Amino acid sequence: MVGPISKPGLRTMRLVTAIHAGREFTGAWVDADTLVLDLATAARVAGLDARPFADMQTLIASGPRTWDIARELVLRSAGDCLIPTRECALRAPLPCPAQLRDFLCFEQHLLNAFAAAKELICARSSDPDATRAELDQSGAYAIPAAWYQSPIYYNASRFAVCGHDTDVFWPAYSDVMDFELEFAAVIGKPGHDIRTEDALAHVFGYTVFNDFSARDEQFRAMAGKLGPGKGKDFDNANALGPCIVTADEIGDPYSLTMSARVNGEEWSRGNTSSMFHRFEQVIAHISRSETLHPGEVLGSGTVGTGCGLEQNRYLKSGDVVELEIERIGVLRNRVLRQT
């Protein structure tokens, strides 16, 4: 069975896609993330086939035997195969996922977001109390029953992915830019009609996901009752990183502290334990009559308080957003207006 694999004595993996001296490679962090092991070079030095380490997608799709070889290479890491992290630029660990879907798994986020949107409308009304009563009666800002019945999602652009320390230019058509603090699972084992109790065995690892959002455009698009549209689809809108941590190292995925900082100030703190729909339910749901493939990324949706919308606070040009999830690390991006 694929999934959380652990062998006594073998290091677990923190995998990155890095660029050094103009060359992109698939690597594994070692020595407290201060060094990157070039896995393809290490395989060649060991007299092994380096092709499974050509890129992250190939490594994941190559399956458990390749993953075990990678662990052995990490255990024996030494010499010219190691590059100081400070000399590398990090891309998204999976620069172009096979698929990228974003879910709404945290109830508190929806409660906060609906409340904030409602109060914003009321504040702009000539009679806030009457408007609030009207909105409450309409139920337009209550979580719909369908959300509780099964996970809901949209397909995000897998071509709009960026990594750690990459600048994100918000689109010229937007004036309101936001971040979203999310947890993401990366599929390692293919399957369809997956049972809930078997679902986590299909997870290769986990990463941090920042779903950057042009809120004004998102609200305009969603008035059409279909999806966020160009509120989410723009270059570098989907930040992933800084690494993929294999499932064996994460252990319990539902006990991880999540936090967000803007220019060093903490804006959010939550925990993966508050996911209403967990990845088991997500995987079972989307694999109904549909095959999941290695390299697909599933976003958790925003943790409660994990975006500016919930607090009526938004980003400014030059702001640096740091998202951190326990046992994974910090994903950092600067937001800039286009000039």
C-alpha atoms as a PDB file:
ATOM      1  CA  MET A   1       0.000   0.000   0.000  1.00  0.00           C
ATOM      2  CA  VAL A   2       1.286   3.455  -0.922  1.00  0.00           C
ATOM      3  CA  GLY A   3       0.985   6.373   1.473  1.00  0.00           C
ATOM      4  CA  PRO A   4       2.736   7.160   4.719  1.00  0.00           C
ATOM      5  CA  ILE A   5       5.890   5.056   4.382  1.00  0.00           C
ATOM      6  CA  SER A   6       8.493   4.841   7.116  1.00  0.00           C
ATOM      7  CA  LYS A   7      11.533   2.619   7.412  1.00  0.00           C
ATOM      8  CA  PRO A   8      13.608   2.443  10.582  1.00  0.00           C
ATOM      9  CA  GLY A   9      16.793   4.449  10.275  1.00  0.00           C
ATOM     10  CA  LEU A  10      15.821   6.325   7.116  1.00  0.00           C
ATOM     11  CA  ARG A  11      15.347  10.074   7.115  1.00  0.00           C
ATOM     12  CA  THR A  12      12.012  11.401   5.976  1.00  0.00           C
ATOM     13  CA  MET A  13      11.930  13.904   3.157  1.00  0.00           C
ATOM     14  CA  ARG A  14      11.440  17.635   2.753  1.00  0.00           C
ATOM     15  CA  LEU A  15      11.417  18.013  -1.019  1.00  0.00           C
ATOM     16  CA  VAL A  16      12.069  21.175  -3.011  1.00  0.00           C
ATOM     17  CA  THR A  17      12.462  22.348  -6.573  1.00  0.00           C
ATOM     18  CA  ALA A  18      15.458  24.670  -6.646  1.00  0.00           C
ATOM     19  CA  ILE A  19      17.545  26.666  -9.084  1.00  0.00           C
ATOM     20  CA  HIS A  20      21.309  26.897  -8.689  1.00  0.00           C
ATOM     21  CA  ALA A  21      23.712  28.462 -11.188  1.00  0.00           C
ATOM     22  CA  GLY A  22      20.903  28.649 -13.728  1.00  0.00           C
ATOM     23  CA  ARG A  23      19.994  24.968 -13.435  1.00  0.00           C
ATOM     24  CA  GLU A  24      16.714  23.711 -12.009  1.00  0.00           C
ATOM     25  CA  PHE A  25      16.750  20.473 -10.036  1.00  0.00           C
ATOM     26  CA  THR A  26      14.717  18.339  -7.659  1.00  0.00           C
ATOM     27  CA  GLY A  27      16.198  18.317  -4.189  1.00  0.00           C
ATOM     28  CA  ALA A  28      15.749  17.300  -0.585  1.00  0.00           C
ATOM     29  CA  TRP A  29      16.542  19.550   2.329  1.00  0.00           C
ATOM     30  CA  VAL A  30      19.059  18.213   4.863  1.00  0.00           C
ATOM     31  CA  ASP A  31      20.863  19.550   7.931  1.00  0.00           C
ATOM     32  CA  ALA A  32      17.969  21.636   9.243  1.00  0.00           C
ATOM     33  CA  ASP A  33      17.160  22.910   5.728  1.00  0.00           C
ATOM     34  CA  THR A  34      20.558  24.578   5.345  1.00  0.00           C
ATOM     35  CA  LEU A  35      21.633  22.291   2.491  1.00  0.00           C
ATOM     36  CA  VAL A  36      19.848  20.931  -0.579  1.00  0.00           C
ATOM     37  CA  LEU A  37      20.676  17.474  -1.877  1.00  0.00           C
ATOM     38  CA  ASP A  38      20.548  17.311  -5.683  1.00  0.00           C
ATOM     39  CA  LEU A  39      18.746  13.978  -6.011  1.00  0.00           C
ATOM     40  CA  ALA A  40      19.544  13.296  -9.680  1.00  0.00           C
ATOM     41  CA  THR A  41      23.252  13.972  -9.164  1.00  0.00           C
ATOM     42  CA  ALA A  42      23.263  11.867  -6.008  1.00  0.00           C
ATOM     43  CA  ALA A  43      21.626   9.003  -7.908  1.00  0.00           C
ATOM     44  CA  ARG A  44      24.253   9.150 -10.669  1.00  0.00           C
ATOM     45  CA  VAL A  45      27.082   9.197  -8.124  1.00  0.00           C
ATOM     46  CA  ALA A  46      25.544   6.095  -6.520  1.00  0.00           C
ATOM     47  CA  GLY A  47      25.393   4.365  -9.905  1.00  0.00           C
ATOM     48  CA  LEU A  48      21.592   4.534 -10.046  1.00  0.00           C
ATOM     49  CA  ASP A  49      19.132   5.663 -12.696  1.00  0.00           C
ATOM     50  CA  ALA A  50      18.733   9.431 -12.327  1.00  0.00           C
ATOM     51  CA  ARG A  51      15.702   9.750 -14.604  1.00  0.00           C
ATOM     52  CA  PRO A  52      13.080   9.356 -11.838  1.00  0.00           C
ATOM     53  CA  PHE A  53      14.508  12.519 -10.251  1.00  0.00           C
ATOM     54  CA  ALA A  54      14.286  14.670 -13.378  1.00  0.00           C
ATOM     55  CA  ASP A  55      11.533  16.782 -11.785  1.00  0.00           C
ATOM     56  CA  MET A  56       9.111  16.598  -8.896  1.00  0.00           C
ATOM     57  CA  GLN A  57       6.203  15.301 -10.955  1.00  0.00           C
ATOM     58  CA  THR A  58       8.326  12.417 -12.238  1.00  0.00           C
ATOM     59  CA  LEU A  59       9.570  11.610  -8.739  1.00  0.00           C
ATOM     60  CA  ILE A  60       6.034  11.466  -7.341  1.00  0.00           C
ATOM     61  CA  ALA A  61       4.643   9.477 -10.267  1.00  0.00           C
ATOM     62  CA  SER A  62       7.526   6.973 -10.144  1.00  0.00           C
ATOM     63  CA  GLY A  63       6.085   5.478  -6.993  1.00  0.00           C
ATOM     64  CA  PRO A  64       7.198   3.933  -3.699  1.00  0.00           C
ATOM     65  CA  ARG A  65      10.421   2.318  -4.933  1.00  0.00           C
ATOM     66  CA  THR A  66      11.734   5.686  -6.134  1.00  0.00           C
ATOM     67  CA  TRP A  67      10.640   7.313  -2.871  1.00  0.00           C
ATOM     68  CA  ASP A  68      12.597   4.744  -0.894  1.00  0.00           C
ATOM     69  CA  ILE A  69      15.675   5.327  -3.081  1.00  0.00           C
ATOM     70  CA  ALA A  70      15.343   9.045  -2.437  1.00  0.00           C
ATOM     71  CA  ARG A  71      15.293   8.393   1.299  1.00  0.00           C
ATOM     72  CA  GLU A  72      18.429   6.284   1.027  1.00  0.00           C
ATOM     73  CA  LEU A  73      20.140   9.063  -0.953  1.00  0.00           C
ATOM     74  CA  VAL A  74      19.186  11.555   1.743  1.00  0.00           C
ATOM     75  CA  LEU A  75      20.588   9.247   4.404  1.00  0.00           C
ATOM     76  CA  ARG A  76      23.927   9.030   2.552  1.00  0.00           C
ATOM     77  CA  SER A  77      24.006  12.677   1.402  1.00  0.00           C
ATOM     78  CA  ALA A  78      27.505  14.122   1.145  1.00  0.00           C
ATOM     79  CA  GLY A  79      30.007  15.941  -1.027  1.00  0.00           C
ATOM     80  CA  ASP A  80      29.345  17.686  -4.316  1.00  0.00           C
ATOM     81  CA  CYS A  81      25.691  16.660  -4.317  1.00  0.00           C
ATOM     82  CA  LEU A  82      24.969  19.163  -1.526  1.00  0.00           C
ATOM     83  CA  ILE A  83      24.329  22.852  -2.243  1.00  0.00           C
ATOM     84  CA  PRO A  84      23.828  25.555   0.413  1.00  0.00           C
ATOM     85  CA  THR A  85      20.205  26.648   0.509  1.00  0.00           C
ATOM     86  CA  ARG A  86      21.286  30.284   0.608  1.00  0.00           C
ATOM     87  CA  GLU A  87      22.762  29.867  -2.880  1.00  0.00           C
ATOM     88  CA  CYS A  88      19.507  28.500  -4.316  1.00  0.00           C
ATOM     89  CA  ALA A  89      16.262  30.072  -5.479  1.00  0.00           C
ATOM     90  CA  LEU A  90      13.190  28.037  -4.642  1.00  0.00           C
ATOM     91  CA  ARG A  91      10.415  27.443  -7.126  1.00  0.00           C
ATOM     92  CA  ALA A  92       7.117  25.918  -6.106  1.00  0.00           C
ATOM     93  CA  PRO A  93       8.035  22.370  -5.065  1.00  0.00           C
ATOM     94  CA  LEU A  94       5.630  21.138  -7.761  1.00  0.00           C
ATOM     95  CA  PRO A  95       5.913  23.924 -10.363  1.00  0.00           C
ATOM     96  CA  CYS A  96       3.009  22.751 -12.538  1.00  0.00           C
ATOM     97  CA  PRO A  97       0.733  20.338 -10.683  1.00  0.00           C
ATOM     98  CA  ALA A  98      -1.150  17.691 -12.616  1.00  0.00           C
ATOM     99  CA  GLN A  99      -4.304  19.323 -11.261  1.00  0.00           C
ATOM    100  CA  LEU A 100      -5.053  21.993  -8.651  1.00  0.00           C
ATOM    101  CA  ARG A 101      -8.372  22.063  -6.839  1.00  0.00           C
ATOM    102  CA  ASP A 102      -9.277  24.367  -3.980  1.00  0.00           C
ATOM    103  CA  PHE A 103     -11.876  23.360  -1.409  1.00  0.00           C
ATOM    104  CA  LEU A 104     -13.808  25.075   1.390  1.00  0.00           C
ATOM    105  CA  CYS A 105     -13.068  22.859   4.390  1.00  0.00           C
ATOM    106  CA  PHE A 106     -13.081  25.292   7.333  1.00  0.00           C
ATOM    107  CA  GLU A 107     -16.472  26.293   8.720  1.00  0.00           C
ATOM    108  CA  GLN A 108     -15.093  29.202  10.754  1.00  0.00           C
ATOM    109  CA  HIS A 109     -13.697  30.850   7.637  1.00  0.00           C
ATOM    110  CA  LEU A 110     -17.124  30.839   6.002  1.00  0.00           C
ATOM    111  CA  LEU A 111     -18.826  32.153   9.132  1.00  0.00           C
ATOM    112  CA  ASN A 112     -16.281  34.964   9.440  1.00  0.00           C
ATOM    113  CA  ALA A 113     -16.288  35.821   5.735  1.00  0.00           C
ATOM    114  CA  PHE A 114     -20.081  35.965   5.483  1.00  0.00           C
ATOM    115  CA  ALA A 115     -20.279  38.084   8.634  1.00  0.00           C
ATOM    116  CA  ALA A 116     -17.638  40.504   7.348  1.00  0.00           C
ATOM    117  CA  ALA A 117     -19.314  40.823   3.946  1.00  0.00           C
ATOM    118  CA  LYS A 118     -22.683  41.445   5.575  1.00  0.00           C
ATOM    119  CA  GLU A 119     -21.303  44.133   7.877  1.00  0.00           C
ATOM    120  CA  LEU A 120     -19.602  45.838   4.942  1.00  0.00           C
ATOM    121  CA  ILE A 121     -22.923  46.029   3.109  1.00  0.00           C
ATOM    122  CA  CYS A 122     -24.672  47.317   6.227  1.00  0.00           C
ATOM    123  CA  ALA A 123     -22.034  49.989   6.826  1.00  0.00           C
ATOM    124  CA  ARG A 124     -22.640  51.353   3.334  1.00  0.00           C
ATOM    125  CA  SER A 125     -26.411  51.415   3.808  1.00  0.00           C
ATOM    126  CA  SER A 126     -28.417  54.491   4.807  1.00  0.00           C
ATOM    127  CA  ASP A 127     -30.179  52.324   7.406  1.00  0.00           C
ATOM    128  CA  PRO A 128     -27.676  49.696   8.659  1.00  0.00           C
ATOM    129  CA  ASP A 129     -30.060  48.085  11.150  1.00  0.00           C
ATOM    130  CA  ALA A 130     -32.834  47.622   8.602  1.00  0.00           C
ATOM    131  CA  THR A 131     -30.371  46.283   6.029  1.00  0.00           C
ATOM    132  CA  ARG A 132     -28.941  43.814   8.540  1.00  0.00           C
ATOM    133  CA  ALA A 133     -32.393  42.556   9.436  1.00  0.00           C
ATOM    134  CA  GLU A 134     -33.249  42.162   5.750  1.00  0.00           C
ATOM    135  CA  LEU A 135     -30.058  40.235   5.042  1.00  0.00           C
ATOM    136  CA  ASP A 136     -30.545  38.009   8.084  1.00  0.00           C
ATOM    137  CA  GLN A 137     -34.080  37.195   6.983  1.00  0.00           C
ATOM    138  CA  SER A 138     -32.982  36.423   3.416  1.00  0.00           C
ATOM    139  CA  GLY A 139     -30.405  33.881   4.557  1.00  0.00           C
ATOM    140  CA  ALA A 140     -28.072  35.103   1.807  1.00  0.00           C
ATOM    141  CA  TYR A 141     -25.143  35.266   4.243  1.00  0.00           C
ATOM    142  CA  ALA A 142     -25.692  31.949   5.990  1.00  0.00           C
ATOM    143  CA  ILE A 143     -23.683  28.839   5.106  1.00  0.00           C
ATOM    144  CA  PRO A 144     -25.801  26.826   2.658  1.00  0.00           C
ATOM    145  CA  ALA A 145     -26.886  23.343   3.668  1.00  0.00           C
ATOM    146  CA  ALA A 146     -25.074  21.889   0.636  1.00  0.00           C
ATOM    147  CA  TRP A 147     -21.717  22.899   2.158  1.00  0.00           C
ATOM    148  CA  TYR A 148     -22.268  20.583   5.134  1.00  0.00           C
ATOM    149  CA  GLN A 149     -23.349  17.681   2.944  1.00  0.00           C
ATOM    150  CA  SER A 150     -20.159  17.279   0.882  1.00  0.00           C
ATOM    151  CA  PRO A 151     -16.919  19.141   0.086  1.00  0.00           C
ATOM    152  CA  ILE A 152     -17.206  21.836  -2.567  1.00  0.00           C
ATOM    153  CA  TYR A 153     -14.386  23.189  -4.703  1.00  0.00           C
ATOM    154  CA  TYR A 154     -13.299  24.982  -7.842  1.00  0.00           C
ATOM    155  CA  ASN A 155     -10.506  24.110 -10.248  1.00  0.00           C
ATOM    156  CA  ALA A 156      -7.663  26.586  -9.824  1.00  0.00           C
ATOM    157  CA  SER A 157      -5.145  27.356 -12.570  1.00  0.00           C
ATOM    158  CA  ARG A 158      -2.208  24.961 -12.370  1.00  0.00           C
ATOM    159  CA  PHE A 159      -0.312  27.284 -14.714  1.00  0.00           C
ATOM    160  CA  ALA A 160      -0.508  30.217 -12.278  1.00  0.00           C
ATOM    161  CA  VAL A 161       1.677  28.592  -9.602  1.00  0.00           C
ATOM    162  CA  CYS A 162       4.664  30.273  -7.961  1.00  0.00           C
ATOM    163  CA  GLY A 163       6.977  29.466  -5.067  1.00  0.00           C
ATOM    164  CA  HIS A 164       8.684  30.844  -1.992  1.00  0.00           C
ATOM    165  CA  ASP A 165      10.082  34.394  -2.189  1.00  0.00           C
ATOM    166  CA  THR A 166       8.408  35.039  -5.553  1.00  0.00           C
ATOM    167  CA  ASP A 167       6.736  38.413  -6.075  1.00  0.00           C
ATOM    168  CA  VAL A 168       3.016  38.369  -6.802  1.00  0.00           C
ATOM    169  CA  PHE A 169       1.722  41.199  -8.974  1.00  0.00           C
ATOM    170  CA  TRP A 170      -1.945  41.728  -8.417  1.00  0.00           C
ATOM    171  CA  PRO A 171      -3.975  42.140 -11.592  1.00  0.00           C
ATOM    172  CA  ALA A 172      -4.492  45.556 -13.122  1.00  0.00           C
ATOM    173  CA  TYR A 173      -8.282  45.136 -12.975  1.00  0.00           C
ATOM    174  CA  SER A 174      -8.328  44.831  -9.170  1.00  0.00           C
ATOM    175  CA  ASP A 175      -8.053  47.275  -6.269  1.00  0.00           C
ATOM    176  CA  VAL A 176      -8.554  44.821  -3.398  1.00  0.00           C
ATOM    177  CA  MET A 177      -5.864  42.169  -2.892  1.00  0.00           C
ATOM    178  CA  ASP A 178      -5.997  39.437  -0.257  1.00  0.00           C
ATOM    179  CA  PHE A 179      -4.159  36.298   0.842  1.00  0.00           C
ATOM    180  CA  GLU A 180      -5.547  32.964   2.040  1.00  0.00           C
ATOM    181  CA  LEU A 181      -3.798  30.662   4.516  1.00  0.00           C
ATOM    182  CA  GLU A 182      -4.335  27.079   3.342  1.00  0.00           C
ATOM    183  CA  PHE A 183      -3.039  23.563   3.894  1.00  0.00           C
ATOM    184  CA  ALA A 184      -2.565  21.380   0.805  1.00  0.00           C
ATOM    185  CA  ALA A 185      -2.259  17.647   0.157  1.00  0.00           C
ATOM    186  CA  VAL A 186      -0.329  16.235  -2.813  1.00  0.00           C
ATOM    187  CA  ILE A 187      -1.619  12.985  -4.307  1.00  0.00           C
ATOM    188  CA  GLY A 188       0.941  10.189  -4.732  1.00  0.00           C
ATOM    189  CA  LYS A 189      -1.089   7.076  -5.489  1.00  0.00           C
ATOM    190  CA  PRO A 190      -3.675   7.020  -8.299  1.00  0.00           C
ATOM    191  CA  GLY A 191      -7.143   5.679  -7.693  1.00  0.00           C
ATOM    192  CA  HIS A 192     -10.858   6.076  -8.240  1.00  0.00           C
ATOM    193  CA  ASP A 193     -13.895   5.415  -6.068  1.00  0.00           C
ATOM    194  CA  ILE A 194     -11.544   5.591  -3.094  1.00  0.00           C
ATOM    195  CA  ARG A 195     -13.012   4.693   0.270  1.00  0.00           C
ATOM    196  CA  THR A 196     -12.755   7.285   3.027  1.00  0.00           C
ATOM    197  CA  GLU A 197     -10.853   4.867   5.265  1.00  0.00           C
ATOM    198  CA  ASP A 198      -8.247   4.298   2.512  1.00  0.00           C
ATOM    199  CA  ALA A 199      -7.933   7.897   1.346  1.00  0.00           C
ATOM    200  CA  LEU A 200      -4.872   9.092   3.274  1.00  0.00           C
ATOM    201  CA  ALA A 201      -2.879   6.209   1.795  1.00  0.00           C
ATOM    202  CA  HIS A 202      -3.110   8.120  -1.504  1.00  0.00           C
ATOM    203  CA  VAL A 203      -1.412  11.248  -0.084  1.00  0.00           C
ATOM    204  CA  PHE A 204       2.265  11.649  -0.952  1.00  0.00           C
ATOM    205  CA  GLY A 205       2.849  14.725   1.179  1.00  0.00           C
ATOM    206  CA  TYR A 206       1.742  18.164   2.290  1.00  0.00           C
ATOM    207  CA  THR A 207       2.646  21.773   1.580  1.00  0.00           C
ATOM    208  CA  VAL A 208       1.554  25.364   2.329  1.00  0.00           C
ATOM    209  CA  PHE A 209      -0.820  27.059  -0.119  1.00  0.00           C
ATOM    210  CA  ASN A 210      -1.464  30.803  -0.462  1.00  0.00           C
ATOM    211  CA  ASP A 211      -4.526  31.352  -2.621  1.00  0.00           C
ATOM    212  CA  PHE A 212      -4.049  35.027  -3.539  1.00  0.00           C
ATOM    213  CA  SER A 213      -7.383  36.660  -4.340  1.00  0.00           C
ATOM    214  CA  ALA A 214      -8.496  39.813  -6.136  1.00  0.00           C
ATOM    215  CA  ARG A 215     -11.528  40.232  -3.921  1.00  0.00           C
ATOM    216  CA  ASP A 216     -13.384  42.939  -5.848  1.00  0.00           C
ATOM    217  CA  GLU A 217     -13.193  40.948  -9.078  1.00  0.00           C
ATOM    218  CA  GLN A 218     -14.046  37.724  -7.238  1.00  0.00           C
ATOM    219  CA  PHE A 219     -17.250  39.222  -5.841  1.00  0.00           C
ATOM    220  CA  ARG A 220     -18.244  40.556  -9.266  1.00  0.00           C
ATOM    221  CA  ALA A 221     -17.678  37.170 -10.867  1.00  0.00           C
ATOM    222  CA  MET A 222     -19.415  35.157  -8.152  1.00  0.00           C
ATOM    223  CA  ALA A 223     -22.556  37.240  -8.559  1.00  0.00           C
ATOM    224  CA  GLY A 224     -22.991  35.125 -11.679  1.00  0.00           C
ATOM    225  CA  LYS A 225     -23.366  32.009  -9.468  1.00  0.00           C
ATOM    226  CA  LEU A 226     -20.571  30.006 -11.097  1.00  0.00           C
ATOM    227  CA  GLY A 227     -17.142  30.643  -9.567  1.00  0.00           C
ATOM    228  CA  PRO A 228     -14.426  33.146  -8.675  1.00  0.00           C
ATOM    229  CA  GLY A 229     -13.203  33.497 -12.273  1.00  0.00           C
ATOM    230  CA  LYS A 230     -10.564  36.187 -12.722  1.00  0.00           C
ATOM    231  CA  GLY A 231     -10.703  36.882  -8.990  1.00  0.00           C
ATOM    232  CA  LYS A 232      -8.380  33.886  -8.662  1.00  0.00           C
ATOM    233  CA  ASP A 233      -6.909  33.421 -12.147  1.00  0.00           C
ATOM    234  CA  PHE A 234      -3.879  35.631 -12.698  1.00  0.00           C
ATOM    235  CA  ASP A 235      -0.142  35.019 -12.878  1.00  0.00           C
ATOM    236  CA  ASN A 236       1.409  33.696  -9.639  1.00  0.00           C
ATOM    237  CA  ALA A 237      -1.986  33.629  -7.922  1.00  0.00           C
ATOM    238  CA  ASN A 238      -1.316  30.175  -6.442  1.00  0.00           C
ATOM    239  CA  ALA A 239       1.763  30.108  -4.214  1.00  0.00           C
ATOM    240  CA  LEU A 240       2.964  26.697  -2.989  1.00  0.00           C
ATOM    241  CA  GLY A 241       5.906  25.850  -0.778  1.00  0.00           C
ATOM    242  CA  PRO A 242       8.443  26.134   0.509  1.00  0.00           C
ATOM    243  CA  CYS A 243       8.634  22.327   0.266  1.00  0.00           C
ATOM    244  CA  ILE A 244       6.578  19.163   0.106  1.00  0.00           C
ATOM    245  CA  VAL A 245       6.912  17.239   3.351  1.00  0.00           C
ATOM    246  CA  THR A 246       6.244  13.542   2.912  1.00  0.00           C
ATOM    247  CA  ALA A 247       3.268  12.179   4.794  1.00  0.00           C
ATOM    248  CA  ASP A 248       5.411  10.010   7.065  1.00  0.00           C
ATOM    249  CA  GLU A 249       7.146  13.068   8.490  1.00  0.00           C
ATOM    250  CA  ILE A 250       3.898  14.975   9.042  1.00  0.00           C
ATOM    251  CA  GLY A 251       2.319  12.178  11.042  1.00  0.00           C
ATOM    252  CA  ASP A 252      -1.119  13.405  12.126  1.00  0.00           C
ATOM    253  CA  PRO A 253      -2.133  16.032   9.534  1.00  0.00           C
ATOM    254  CA  TYR A 254      -4.869  17.321  11.832  1.00  0.00           C
ATOM    255  CA  SER A 255      -2.758  18.690  14.665  1.00  0.00           C
ATOM    256  CA  LEU A 256      -0.749  21.410  12.900  1.00  0.00           C
ATOM    257  CA  THR A 257      -0.648  25.069  13.889  1.00  0.00           C
ATOM    258  CA  MET A 258      -1.248  27.492  11.004  1.00  0.00           C
ATOM    259  CA  SER A 259      -0.343  31.187  11.105  1.00  0.00           C
ATOM    260  CA  ALA A 260      -0.122  34.173   8.796  1.00  0.00           C
ATOM    261  CA  ARG A 261       1.981  37.314   9.129  1.00  0.00           C
ATOM    262  CA  VAL A 262       1.951  40.496   7.079  1.00  0.00           C
ATOM    263  CA  ASN A 263       5.138  42.548   7.382  1.00  0.00           C
ATOM    264  CA  GLY A 264       5.947  40.561  10.515  1.00  0.00           C
ATOM    265  CA  GLU A 265       2.603  41.252  12.213  1.00  0.00           C
ATOM    266  CA  GLU A 266       0.509  38.195  12.950  1.00  0.00           C
ATOM    267  CA  TRP A 267      -2.888  38.409  11.275  1.00  0.00           C
ATOM    268  CA  SER A 268      -4.034  34.843  11.730  1.00  0.00           C
ATOM    269  CA  ARG A 269      -3.575  31.744  13.857  1.00  0.00           C
ATOM    270  CA  GLY A 270      -5.486  28.489  13.533  1.00  0.00           C
ATOM    271  CA  ASN A 271      -5.070  24.736  13.393  1.00  0.00           C
ATOM    272  CA  THR A 272      -5.683  21.992  10.866  1.00  0.00           C
ATOM    273  CA  SER A 273      -7.749  20.227  13.528  1.00  0.00           C
ATOM    274  CA  SER A 274     -10.618  22.622  12.724  1.00  0.00           C
ATOM    275  CA  MET A 275     -11.140  21.231   9.208  1.00  0.00           C
ATOM    276  CA  PHE A 276     -14.819  20.296   8.955  1.00  0.00           C
ATOM    277  CA  HIS A 277     -14.259  18.331   5.749  1.00  0.00           C
ATOM    278  CA  ARG A 278     -10.940  16.483   6.063  1.00  0.00           C
ATOM    279  CA  PHE A 279      -8.770  15.226   3.234  1.00  0.00           C
ATOM    280  CA  GLU A 280     -10.237  11.733   3.622  1.00  0.00           C
ATOM    281  CA  GLN A 281     -13.689  13.074   2.764  1.00  0.00           C
ATOM    282  CA  VAL A 282     -12.290  15.312   0.039  1.00  0.00           C
ATOM    283  CA  ILE A 283     -10.465  12.441  -1.698  1.00  0.00           C
ATOM    284  CA  ALA A 284     -13.405  10.053  -1.402  1.00  0.00           C
ATOM    285  CA  HIS A 285     -15.729  12.711  -2.824  1.00  0.00           C
ATOM    286  CA  ILE A 286     -13.720  13.771  -5.859  1.00  0.00           C
ATOM    287  CA  SER A 287     -12.659  10.241  -6.773  1.00  0.00           C
ATOM    288  CA  ARG A 288     -16.249   9.136  -7.310  1.00  0.00           C
ATOM    289  CA  SER A 289     -16.272   7.936 -10.929  1.00  0.00           C
ATOM    290  CA  GLU A 290     -13.069   9.936 -11.501  1.00  0.00           C
ATOM    291  CA  THR A 291      -9.447   8.837 -11.356  1.00  0.00           C
ATOM    292  CA  LEU A 292      -7.062  10.828  -9.179  1.00  0.00           C
ATOM    293  CA  HIS A 293      -3.517  11.085 -10.512  1.00  0.00           C
ATOM    294  CA  PRO A 294      -0.081  11.528  -8.918  1.00  0.00           C
ATOM    295  CA  GLY A 295       0.852  15.176  -8.638  1.00  0.00           C
ATOM    296  CA  GLU A 296      -2.657  16.511  -8.078  1.00  0.00           C
ATOM    297  CA  VAL A 297      -2.828  19.189  -5.362  1.00  0.00           C
ATOM    298  CA  LEU A 298      -5.854  19.600  -3.097  1.00  0.00           C
ATOM    299  CA  GLY A 299      -6.162  22.864  -1.187  1.00  0.00           C
ATOM    300  CA  SER A 300      -7.968  22.851   2.151  1.00  0.00           C
ATOM    301  CA  GLY A 301      -9.524  26.262   1.770  1.00  0.00           C
ATOM    302  CA  THR A 302      -8.821  29.048   4.234  1.00  0.00           C
ATOM    303  CA  VAL A 303      -8.484  28.382   7.946  1.00  0.00           C
ATOM    304  CA  GLY A 304     -10.636  30.546  10.213  1.00  0.00           C
ATOM    305  CA  THR A 305      -9.252  34.143  10.382  1.00  0.00           C
ATOM    306  CA  GLY A 306      -6.801  33.114   7.621  1.00  0.00           C
ATOM    307  CA  CYS A 307      -7.416  36.020   5.237  1.00  0.00           C
ATOM    308  CA  GLY A 308      -7.909  39.773   5.257  1.00  0.00           C
ATOM    309  CA  LEU A 309     -11.548  39.536   4.184  1.00  0.00           C
ATOM    310  CA  GLU A 310     -12.521  38.053   7.536  1.00  0.00           C
ATOM    311  CA  GLN A 311     -10.997  41.056   9.294  1.00  0.00           C
ATOM    312  CA  ASN A 312     -11.794  43.758   6.731  1.00  0.00           C
ATOM    313  CA  ARG A 313      -8.043  44.272   6.260  1.00  0.00           C
ATOM    314  CA  TYR A 314      -6.406  44.050   2.871  1.00  0.00           C
ATOM    315  CA  LEU A 315      -2.931  44.066   1.372  1.00  0.00           C
ATOM    316  CA  LYS A 316      -0.963  47.059   0.160  1.00  0.00           C
ATOM    317  CA  SER A 317       1.720  47.185  -2.475  1.00  0.00           C
ATOM    318  CA  GLY A 318       5.011  46.056  -0.965  1.00  0.00           C
ATOM    319  CA  ASP A 319       3.445  43.952   1.791  1.00  0.00           C
ATOM    320  CA  VAL A 320       5.273  40.717   2.600  1.00  0.00           C
ATOM    321  CA  VAL A 321       2.995  37.797   3.435  1.00  0.00           C
ATOM    322  CA  GLU A 322       4.384  34.853   5.401  1.00  0.00           C
ATOM    323  CA  LEU A 323       2.266  31.735   5.829  1.00  0.00           C
ATOM    324  CA  GLU A 324       3.532  29.095   8.227  1.00  0.00           C
ATOM    325  CA  ILE A 325       2.327  25.596   8.962  1.00  0.00           C
ATOM    326  CA  GLU A 326       3.920  23.519  11.690  1.00  0.00           C
ATOM    327  CA  ARG A 327       6.352  20.827  10.412  1.00  0.00           C
ATOM    328  CA  ILE A 328       6.284  22.269   6.894  1.00  0.00           C
ATOM    329  CA  GLY A 329       7.754  25.755   7.165  1.00  0.00           C
ATOM    330  CA  VAL A 330       7.244  29.318   5.955  1.00  0.00           C
ATOM    331  CA  LEU A 331       5.981  30.341   2.525  1.00  0.00           C
ATOM    332  CA  ARG A 332       6.879  33.989   1.897  1.00  0.00           C
ATOM    333  CA  ASN A 333       5.722  36.258  -0.958  1.00  0.00           C
ATOM    334  CA  ARG A 334       5.775  39.980  -1.575  1.00  0.00           C
ATOM    335  CA  VAL A 335       2.735  41.602  -3.184  1.00  0.00           C
ATOM    336  CA  LEU A 336       3.246  44.433  -5.657  1.00  0.00           C
ATOM    337  CA  ARG A 337       0.964  46.600  -7.726  1.00  0.00           C
ATOM    338  CA  GLN A 338       1.676  46.557 -11.435  1.00  0.00           C
ATOM    339  CA  THR A 339       3.172  49.791 -12.741  1.00  0.00           C
END
